[in-house]
Amino acid sequence: MKRIQLFLFSLLFLSFFAGLSADPLPVTGVWRTYSDDGKEESTVEIYEQGGKIYGKVTGLVDPNDKDGKPARCTACEGAEKDKPVLGLVIIKGLQADGDKWSGGRILDPNDGVWYKCLLKAVEGGKKLEVRGYVGFSLIGRSQYWVKK
């Protein structure tokens, strides 16, 4: 009886720690992004470079501003200031962290602000949880992107 209990305890113990060290599901590929009201806004290609994850805007539902010119990141500062949104790298430097990718940042081209970011593939890799936050990940918001 003690052997069975020891075996079950060992199995439970190992399965717990195996889950902690699990590699995250791949997040690379092309993803559709959606506004808060559920309308498709853009496509973002997420790729790996030098062991880190990056993402750039590869398509826009509304590629032009109100004047009919290509949309630009007018609210951005620094290197991104006034660059076209199409082709803009908006996710930078995420690294594998358990079952997610974190340690990088994401740019919101609408307000020009860089936020800390974490990505996690969900629903077997069909959706991507994208969380932007300031300070702690509890203080932020998530969006769900759909794999194209």
N, C-alpha and C. Protein backbone atom coordinates (compact mmCIF):
# COMPACT_ATOMS: atom_id res chain seq x y z
N MET A 1 0.83 -1.20 0.00
CA MET A 1 0.00 0.00 0.00
C MET A 1 0.87 1.26 0.00
N LYS A 2 1.95 1.24 0.81
CA LYS A 2 2.83 2.41 0.86
C LYS A 2 3.53 2.63 -0.48
N ARG A 3 3.84 1.53 -1.17
CA ARG A 3 4.47 1.66 -2.48
C ARG A 3 3.54 2.37 -3.47
N ILE A 4 2.28 2.01 -3.43
CA ILE A 4 1.30 2.63 -4.33
C ILE A 4 1.17 4.12 -4.00
N GLN A 5 1.11 4.46 -2.72
CA GLN A 5 1.01 5.86 -2.33
C GLN A 5 2.25 6.63 -2.76
N LEU A 6 3.42 6.03 -2.56
CA LEU A 6 4.67 6.67 -2.96
C LEU A 6 4.71 6.86 -4.47
N PHE A 7 4.28 5.84 -5.21
CA PHE A 7 4.25 5.93 -6.66
C PHE A 7 3.31 7.05 -7.13
N LEU A 8 2.12 7.11 -6.58
CA LEU A 8 1.16 8.14 -6.96
C LEU A 8 1.67 9.53 -6.60
N PHE A 9 2.27 9.66 -5.43
CA PHE A 9 2.83 10.95 -5.02
C PHE A 9 3.94 11.37 -5.98
N SER A 10 4.82 10.42 -6.33
CA SER A 10 5.92 10.72 -7.26
C SER A 10 5.39 11.14 -8.62
N LEU A 11 4.38 10.44 -9.09
CA LEU A 11 3.78 10.77 -10.37
C LEU A 11 3.18 12.17 -10.36
N LEU A 12 2.47 12.49 -9.31
CA LEU A 12 1.88 13.82 -9.16
C LEU A 12 2.97 14.89 -9.09
N PHE A 13 4.00 14.64 -8.33
CA PHE A 13 5.12 15.57 -8.16
C PHE A 13 5.80 15.85 -9.50
N LEU A 14 6.11 14.79 -10.24
CA LEU A 14 6.79 14.94 -11.53
C LEU A 14 5.91 15.64 -12.56
N SER A 15 4.63 15.32 -12.59
CA SER A 15 3.75 15.97 -13.56
C SER A 15 3.60 17.46 -13.26
N PHE A 16 3.63 17.83 -11.99
CA PHE A 16 3.55 19.24 -11.62
C PHE A 16 4.76 20.00 -12.15
N PHE A 17 5.96 19.48 -11.92
CA PHE A 17 7.16 20.17 -12.36
C PHE A 17 7.37 20.08 -13.86
N ALA A 18 6.88 19.05 -14.49
CA ALA A 18 6.96 18.97 -15.95
C ALA A 18 6.16 20.09 -16.58
N GLY A 19 5.03 20.44 -16.00
CA GLY A 19 4.21 21.53 -16.51
C GLY A 19 4.87 22.88 -16.34
N LEU A 20 5.67 23.04 -15.30
CA LEU A 20 6.33 24.32 -15.07
C LEU A 20 7.42 24.60 -16.09
N SER A 21 8.06 23.57 -16.59
CA SER A 21 9.17 23.78 -17.51
C SER A 21 8.76 23.62 -18.97
N ALA A 22 7.49 23.52 -19.23
CA ALA A 22 7.01 23.30 -20.59
C ALA A 22 7.37 24.47 -21.49
N ASP A 23 7.79 24.14 -22.70
CA ASP A 23 8.06 25.18 -23.67
C ASP A 23 6.74 25.77 -24.13
N PRO A 24 6.73 27.07 -24.43
CA PRO A 24 5.49 27.67 -24.91
C PRO A 24 5.16 27.17 -26.32
N LEU A 25 3.87 27.16 -26.63
CA LEU A 25 3.47 26.84 -28.00
C LEU A 25 4.02 27.91 -28.93
N PRO A 26 4.32 27.56 -30.17
CA PRO A 26 4.84 28.56 -31.11
C PRO A 26 3.84 29.70 -31.32
N VAL A 27 4.35 30.90 -31.42
CA VAL A 27 3.50 32.07 -31.67
C VAL A 27 3.82 32.69 -33.03
N THR A 28 4.78 32.13 -33.74
CA THR A 28 5.16 32.68 -35.03
C THR A 28 4.06 32.42 -36.06
N GLY A 29 4.01 33.31 -37.04
CA GLY A 29 3.01 33.21 -38.10
C GLY A 29 2.29 34.53 -38.28
N VAL A 30 1.24 34.50 -39.07
CA VAL A 30 0.45 35.71 -39.35
C VAL A 30 -0.84 35.64 -38.56
N TRP A 31 -1.14 36.73 -37.86
CA TRP A 31 -2.29 36.80 -36.96
C TRP A 31 -3.20 37.96 -37.34
N ARG A 32 -4.50 37.73 -37.26
CA ARG A 32 -5.49 38.80 -37.47
C ARG A 32 -5.75 39.48 -36.13
N THR A 33 -5.73 40.81 -36.13
CA THR A 33 -6.02 41.56 -34.91
C THR A 33 -7.42 42.16 -35.02
N TYR A 34 -8.04 42.37 -33.86
CA TYR A 34 -9.42 42.86 -33.83
C TYR A 34 -9.56 44.02 -32.86
N SER A 35 -10.46 44.93 -33.18
CA SER A 35 -10.77 46.05 -32.29
C SER A 35 -11.62 45.53 -31.13
N ASP A 36 -11.85 46.39 -30.15
CA ASP A 36 -12.65 45.99 -28.99
C ASP A 36 -14.08 45.63 -29.36
N ASP A 37 -14.58 46.17 -30.49
CA ASP A 37 -15.94 45.82 -30.91
C ASP A 37 -15.98 44.64 -31.89
N GLY A 38 -14.84 43.95 -32.04
CA GLY A 38 -14.81 42.71 -32.81
C GLY A 38 -14.53 42.84 -34.29
N LYS A 39 -14.21 44.05 -34.77
CA LYS A 39 -13.92 44.24 -36.19
C LYS A 39 -12.44 44.00 -36.45
N GLU A 40 -12.16 43.30 -37.56
CA GLU A 40 -10.77 43.05 -37.93
C GLU A 40 -10.09 44.38 -38.24
N GLU A 41 -8.88 44.56 -37.70
CA GLU A 41 -8.14 45.81 -37.92
C GLU A 41 -6.90 45.63 -38.77
N SER A 42 -6.16 44.56 -38.51
CA SER A 42 -4.88 44.41 -39.19
C SER A 42 -4.41 42.97 -39.16
N THR A 43 -3.30 42.73 -39.85
CA THR A 43 -2.58 41.47 -39.70
C THR A 43 -1.18 41.79 -39.23
N VAL A 44 -0.69 40.93 -38.35
CA VAL A 44 0.65 41.10 -37.79
C VAL A 44 1.41 39.79 -38.01
N GLU A 45 2.60 39.90 -38.59
CA GLU A 45 3.46 38.73 -38.74
C GLU A 45 4.39 38.67 -37.54
N ILE A 46 4.33 37.57 -36.81
CA ILE A 46 5.21 37.38 -35.67
C ILE A 46 6.31 36.41 -36.10
N TYR A 47 7.56 36.80 -35.83
CA TYR A 47 8.70 36.01 -36.28
C TYR A 47 9.76 35.97 -35.19
N GLU A 48 10.65 34.98 -35.32
CA GLU A 48 11.74 34.84 -34.37
C GLU A 48 13.02 35.33 -35.01
N GLN A 49 13.79 36.08 -34.24
CA GLN A 49 15.06 36.59 -34.72
C GLN A 49 16.03 36.60 -33.54
N GLY A 50 17.13 35.88 -33.66
CA GLY A 50 18.11 35.84 -32.59
C GLY A 50 17.57 35.28 -31.28
N GLY A 51 16.63 34.33 -31.37
CA GLY A 51 16.06 33.72 -30.18
C GLY A 51 14.99 34.54 -29.49
N LYS A 52 14.63 35.68 -30.09
CA LYS A 52 13.59 36.53 -29.52
C LYS A 52 12.44 36.67 -30.52
N ILE A 53 11.29 37.09 -30.01
CA ILE A 53 10.09 37.23 -30.83
C ILE A 53 9.84 38.70 -31.16
N TYR A 54 9.51 38.95 -32.43
CA TYR A 54 9.18 40.28 -32.93
C TYR A 54 7.90 40.18 -33.76
N GLY A 55 7.24 41.30 -33.96
CA GLY A 55 6.04 41.31 -34.79
C GLY A 55 5.90 42.61 -35.55
N LYS A 56 5.55 42.50 -36.83
CA LYS A 56 5.35 43.71 -37.64
C LYS A 56 4.00 43.68 -38.32
N VAL A 57 3.47 44.86 -38.54
CA VAL A 57 2.18 45.01 -39.20
C VAL A 57 2.36 44.72 -40.69
N THR A 58 1.61 43.73 -41.19
CA THR A 58 1.73 43.35 -42.61
C THR A 58 0.48 43.66 -43.41
N GLY A 59 -0.58 44.09 -42.74
CA GLY A 59 -1.80 44.45 -43.45
C GLY A 59 -2.70 45.29 -42.57
N LEU A 60 -3.43 46.21 -43.20
CA LEU A 60 -4.38 47.07 -42.49
C LEU A 60 -5.72 47.05 -43.22
N VAL A 61 -6.81 46.95 -42.48
CA VAL A 61 -8.14 47.03 -43.09
C VAL A 61 -8.34 48.43 -43.65
N ASP A 62 -7.94 49.45 -42.90
CA ASP A 62 -7.98 50.85 -43.35
C ASP A 62 -6.55 51.36 -43.45
N PRO A 63 -5.89 51.15 -44.60
CA PRO A 63 -4.47 51.50 -44.70
C PRO A 63 -4.20 53.00 -44.82
N ASN A 64 -5.25 53.79 -45.05
CA ASN A 64 -5.05 55.23 -45.24
C ASN A 64 -5.68 56.03 -44.10
N ASP A 65 -5.12 57.22 -43.88
CA ASP A 65 -5.70 58.12 -42.88
C ASP A 65 -6.89 58.86 -43.48
N LYS A 66 -7.44 59.82 -42.74
CA LYS A 66 -8.64 60.53 -43.20
C LYS A 66 -8.39 61.38 -44.44
N ASP A 67 -7.10 61.68 -44.73
CA ASP A 67 -6.75 62.46 -45.92
C ASP A 67 -6.43 61.58 -47.12
N GLY A 68 -6.57 60.26 -46.94
CA GLY A 68 -6.29 59.34 -48.04
C GLY A 68 -4.83 58.97 -48.18
N LYS A 69 -3.99 59.41 -47.26
CA LYS A 69 -2.56 59.09 -47.29
C LYS A 69 -2.31 57.86 -46.42
N PRO A 70 -1.21 57.12 -46.70
CA PRO A 70 -0.92 55.95 -45.87
C PRO A 70 -0.86 56.31 -44.38
N ALA A 71 -1.52 55.49 -43.56
CA ALA A 71 -1.55 55.74 -42.11
C ALA A 71 -0.13 55.75 -41.55
N ARG A 72 0.13 56.74 -40.69
CA ARG A 72 1.45 56.88 -40.06
C ARG A 72 1.29 56.91 -38.56
N CYS A 73 2.36 56.58 -37.88
CA CYS A 73 2.34 56.58 -36.41
C CYS A 73 2.68 58.00 -35.93
N THR A 74 1.71 58.89 -36.06
CA THR A 74 1.93 60.29 -35.69
C THR A 74 2.06 60.50 -34.19
N ALA A 75 1.48 59.63 -33.39
CA ALA A 75 1.56 59.75 -31.93
C ALA A 75 2.85 59.14 -31.37
N CYS A 76 3.58 58.43 -32.21
CA CYS A 76 4.81 57.78 -31.75
C CYS A 76 5.92 58.79 -31.52
N GLU A 77 6.90 58.37 -30.73
CA GLU A 77 8.09 59.17 -30.49
C GLU A 77 9.31 58.36 -30.92
N GLY A 78 10.44 59.02 -31.04
CA GLY A 78 11.68 58.33 -31.35
C GLY A 78 11.71 57.81 -32.77
N ALA A 79 12.31 56.64 -32.94
CA ALA A 79 12.52 56.06 -34.27
C ALA A 79 11.23 55.76 -35.02
N GLU A 80 10.14 55.54 -34.30
CA GLU A 80 8.86 55.21 -34.94
C GLU A 80 8.05 56.43 -35.36
N LYS A 81 8.46 57.62 -34.93
CA LYS A 81 7.71 58.85 -35.20
C LYS A 81 7.45 59.02 -36.69
N ASP A 82 6.17 59.14 -37.04
CA ASP A 82 5.70 59.40 -38.41
C ASP A 82 6.03 58.30 -39.42
N LYS A 83 6.44 57.14 -38.95
CA LYS A 83 6.67 56.03 -39.87
C LYS A 83 5.33 55.43 -40.28
N PRO A 84 5.25 54.88 -41.50
CA PRO A 84 4.02 54.21 -41.91
C PRO A 84 3.70 53.05 -40.95
N VAL A 85 2.43 52.90 -40.61
CA VAL A 85 2.02 51.81 -39.72
C VAL A 85 2.23 50.47 -40.43
N LEU A 86 1.95 50.43 -41.73
CA LEU A 86 2.18 49.22 -42.50
C LEU A 86 3.69 48.96 -42.56
N GLY A 87 4.12 47.84 -42.03
CA GLY A 87 5.54 47.50 -41.99
C GLY A 87 6.21 47.84 -40.67
N LEU A 88 5.50 48.52 -39.78
CA LEU A 88 6.05 48.93 -38.49
C LEU A 88 6.22 47.73 -37.56
N VAL A 89 7.38 47.61 -36.93
CA VAL A 89 7.62 46.56 -35.94
C VAL A 89 7.00 47.03 -34.63
N ILE A 90 5.96 46.31 -34.19
CA ILE A 90 5.22 46.74 -32.99
C ILE A 90 5.43 45.81 -31.79
N ILE A 91 6.07 44.67 -32.02
CA ILE A 91 6.40 43.75 -30.91
C ILE A 91 7.90 43.54 -30.97
N LYS A 92 8.56 43.71 -29.82
CA LYS A 92 10.02 43.60 -29.79
C LYS A 92 10.51 42.84 -28.57
N GLY A 93 11.43 41.89 -28.83
CA GLY A 93 12.27 41.32 -27.80
C GLY A 93 11.66 40.36 -26.79
N LEU A 94 10.60 39.64 -27.15
CA LEU A 94 10.02 38.68 -26.19
C LEU A 94 10.84 37.40 -26.17
N GLN A 95 10.92 36.78 -24.99
CA GLN A 95 11.66 35.54 -24.82
C GLN A 95 10.76 34.49 -24.17
N ALA A 96 11.09 33.22 -24.41
CA ALA A 96 10.33 32.12 -23.81
C ALA A 96 10.39 32.23 -22.30
N ASP A 97 9.23 32.03 -21.66
CA ASP A 97 9.11 32.13 -20.21
C ASP A 97 8.04 31.15 -19.75
N GLY A 98 8.44 29.90 -19.53
CA GLY A 98 7.46 28.87 -19.18
C GLY A 98 6.55 28.58 -20.36
N ASP A 99 5.25 28.78 -20.19
CA ASP A 99 4.30 28.50 -21.27
C ASP A 99 3.91 29.75 -22.05
N LYS A 100 4.68 30.83 -21.90
CA LYS A 100 4.36 32.09 -22.59
C LYS A 100 5.65 32.75 -23.07
N TRP A 101 5.49 33.88 -23.73
CA TRP A 101 6.61 34.71 -24.17
C TRP A 101 6.47 36.04 -23.46
N SER A 102 7.56 36.53 -22.86
CA SER A 102 7.48 37.79 -22.11
C SER A 102 8.83 38.50 -22.16
N GLY A 103 8.92 39.62 -21.43
CA GLY A 103 10.18 40.35 -21.34
C GLY A 103 10.39 41.35 -22.45
N GLY A 104 9.42 41.52 -23.30
CA GLY A 104 9.54 42.48 -24.39
C GLY A 104 8.48 43.55 -24.27
N ARG A 105 8.21 44.19 -25.39
CA ARG A 105 7.21 45.27 -25.38
C ARG A 105 6.42 45.29 -26.67
N ILE A 106 5.28 46.00 -26.59
CA ILE A 106 4.38 46.13 -27.74
C ILE A 106 3.98 47.59 -27.88
N LEU A 107 3.92 48.05 -29.11
CA LEU A 107 3.56 49.43 -29.42
C LEU A 107 2.11 49.50 -29.85
N ASP A 108 1.37 50.43 -29.28
CA ASP A 108 0.02 50.74 -29.77
C ASP A 108 0.15 51.93 -30.70
N PRO A 109 0.06 51.73 -32.02
CA PRO A 109 0.23 52.83 -32.96
C PRO A 109 -0.83 53.92 -32.82
N ASN A 110 -1.95 53.61 -32.17
CA ASN A 110 -3.01 54.62 -32.00
C ASN A 110 -2.62 55.68 -30.99
N ASP A 111 -1.91 55.29 -29.92
CA ASP A 111 -1.51 56.29 -28.92
C ASP A 111 0.00 56.48 -28.84
N GLY A 112 0.76 55.69 -29.60
CA GLY A 112 2.21 55.85 -29.63
C GLY A 112 2.93 55.38 -28.38
N VAL A 113 2.26 54.61 -27.54
CA VAL A 113 2.84 54.19 -26.26
C VAL A 113 3.34 52.75 -26.37
N TRP A 114 4.55 52.52 -25.83
CA TRP A 114 5.10 51.18 -25.70
C TRP A 114 4.64 50.61 -24.35
N TYR A 115 4.15 49.39 -24.38
CA TYR A 115 3.71 48.69 -23.17
C TYR A 115 4.55 47.43 -23.00
N LYS A 116 4.71 46.97 -21.77
CA LYS A 116 5.28 45.65 -21.56
C LYS A 116 4.30 44.66 -22.17
N CYS A 117 4.80 43.50 -22.56
CA CYS A 117 3.96 42.59 -23.32
C CYS A 117 4.24 41.14 -22.96
N LEU A 118 3.19 40.34 -23.01
CA LEU A 118 3.37 38.89 -23.00
C LEU A 118 2.41 38.27 -23.98
N LEU A 119 2.87 37.19 -24.58
CA LEU A 119 2.10 36.46 -25.58
C LEU A 119 1.95 35.02 -25.12
N LYS A 120 0.78 34.47 -25.37
CA LYS A 120 0.55 33.07 -25.04
C LYS A 120 -0.41 32.47 -26.06
N ALA A 121 0.04 31.41 -26.73
CA ALA A 121 -0.82 30.70 -27.67
C ALA A 121 -1.87 29.93 -26.87
N VAL A 122 -3.12 30.05 -27.29
CA VAL A 122 -4.22 29.35 -26.61
C VAL A 122 -5.05 28.60 -27.66
N GLU A 123 -5.94 27.77 -27.18
CA GLU A 123 -6.80 26.96 -28.06
C GLU A 123 -5.97 26.17 -29.07
N GLY A 124 -4.90 25.54 -28.57
CA GLY A 124 -4.06 24.71 -29.42
C GLY A 124 -3.27 25.48 -30.46
N GLY A 125 -3.03 26.77 -30.22
CA GLY A 125 -2.28 27.59 -31.15
C GLY A 125 -3.12 28.30 -32.19
N LYS A 126 -4.45 28.18 -32.09
CA LYS A 126 -5.34 28.85 -33.05
C LYS A 126 -5.55 30.31 -32.71
N LYS A 127 -5.39 30.65 -31.43
CA LYS A 127 -5.54 32.03 -30.97
C LYS A 127 -4.31 32.43 -30.18
N LEU A 128 -4.11 33.73 -30.09
CA LEU A 128 -2.98 34.28 -29.38
C LEU A 128 -3.48 35.30 -28.37
N GLU A 129 -3.18 35.06 -27.10
CA GLU A 129 -3.50 36.05 -26.08
C GLU A 129 -2.36 37.06 -26.07
N VAL A 130 -2.69 38.31 -26.32
CA VAL A 130 -1.72 39.40 -26.34
C VAL A 130 -2.05 40.32 -25.18
N ARG A 131 -1.16 40.41 -24.21
CA ARG A 131 -1.42 41.23 -23.03
C ARG A 131 -0.42 42.37 -23.00
N GLY A 132 -0.94 43.59 -22.98
CA GLY A 132 -0.13 44.79 -22.82
C GLY A 132 -0.39 45.37 -21.45
N TYR A 133 0.68 45.83 -20.79
CA TYR A 133 0.51 46.32 -19.43
C TYR A 133 1.61 47.30 -19.05
N VAL A 134 1.35 48.04 -17.98
CA VAL A 134 2.32 48.95 -17.40
C VAL A 134 2.62 48.41 -16.00
N GLY A 135 3.86 48.24 -15.66
CA GLY A 135 4.20 47.75 -14.33
C GLY A 135 3.99 46.26 -14.22
N PHE A 136 2.90 45.84 -13.60
CA PHE A 136 2.60 44.42 -13.40
C PHE A 136 1.56 43.96 -14.41
N SER A 137 1.65 42.68 -14.79
CA SER A 137 0.73 42.17 -15.82
C SER A 137 -0.73 42.15 -15.35
N LEU A 138 -0.95 42.28 -14.05
CA LEU A 138 -2.33 42.35 -13.56
C LEU A 138 -3.00 43.66 -13.95
N ILE A 139 -2.17 44.70 -14.19
CA ILE A 139 -2.69 46.01 -14.55
C ILE A 139 -2.47 46.19 -16.05
N GLY A 140 -3.44 45.78 -16.83
CA GLY A 140 -3.32 45.87 -18.28
C GLY A 140 -4.56 45.29 -18.92
N ARG A 141 -4.43 45.00 -20.21
CA ARG A 141 -5.57 44.40 -20.91
C ARG A 141 -5.07 43.40 -21.94
N SER A 142 -5.94 42.46 -22.22
CA SER A 142 -5.61 41.41 -23.19
C SER A 142 -6.50 41.53 -24.42
N GLN A 143 -5.93 41.16 -25.54
CA GLN A 143 -6.66 40.99 -26.79
C GLN A 143 -6.41 39.57 -27.25
N TYR A 144 -7.29 39.07 -28.08
CA TYR A 144 -7.09 37.74 -28.66
C TYR A 144 -7.01 37.89 -30.16
N TRP A 145 -5.89 37.47 -30.72
CA TRP A 145 -5.68 37.49 -32.15
C TRP A 145 -5.93 36.08 -32.68
N VAL A 146 -6.33 35.98 -33.95
CA VAL A 146 -6.65 34.70 -34.56
C VAL A 146 -5.64 34.39 -35.65
N LYS A 147 -5.15 33.15 -35.65
CA LYS A 147 -4.16 32.73 -36.64
C LYS A 147 -4.79 32.74 -38.03
N LYS A 148 -4.07 33.29 -38.97
CA LYS A 148 -4.56 33.40 -40.34
C LYS A 148 -4.29 32.10 -41.08
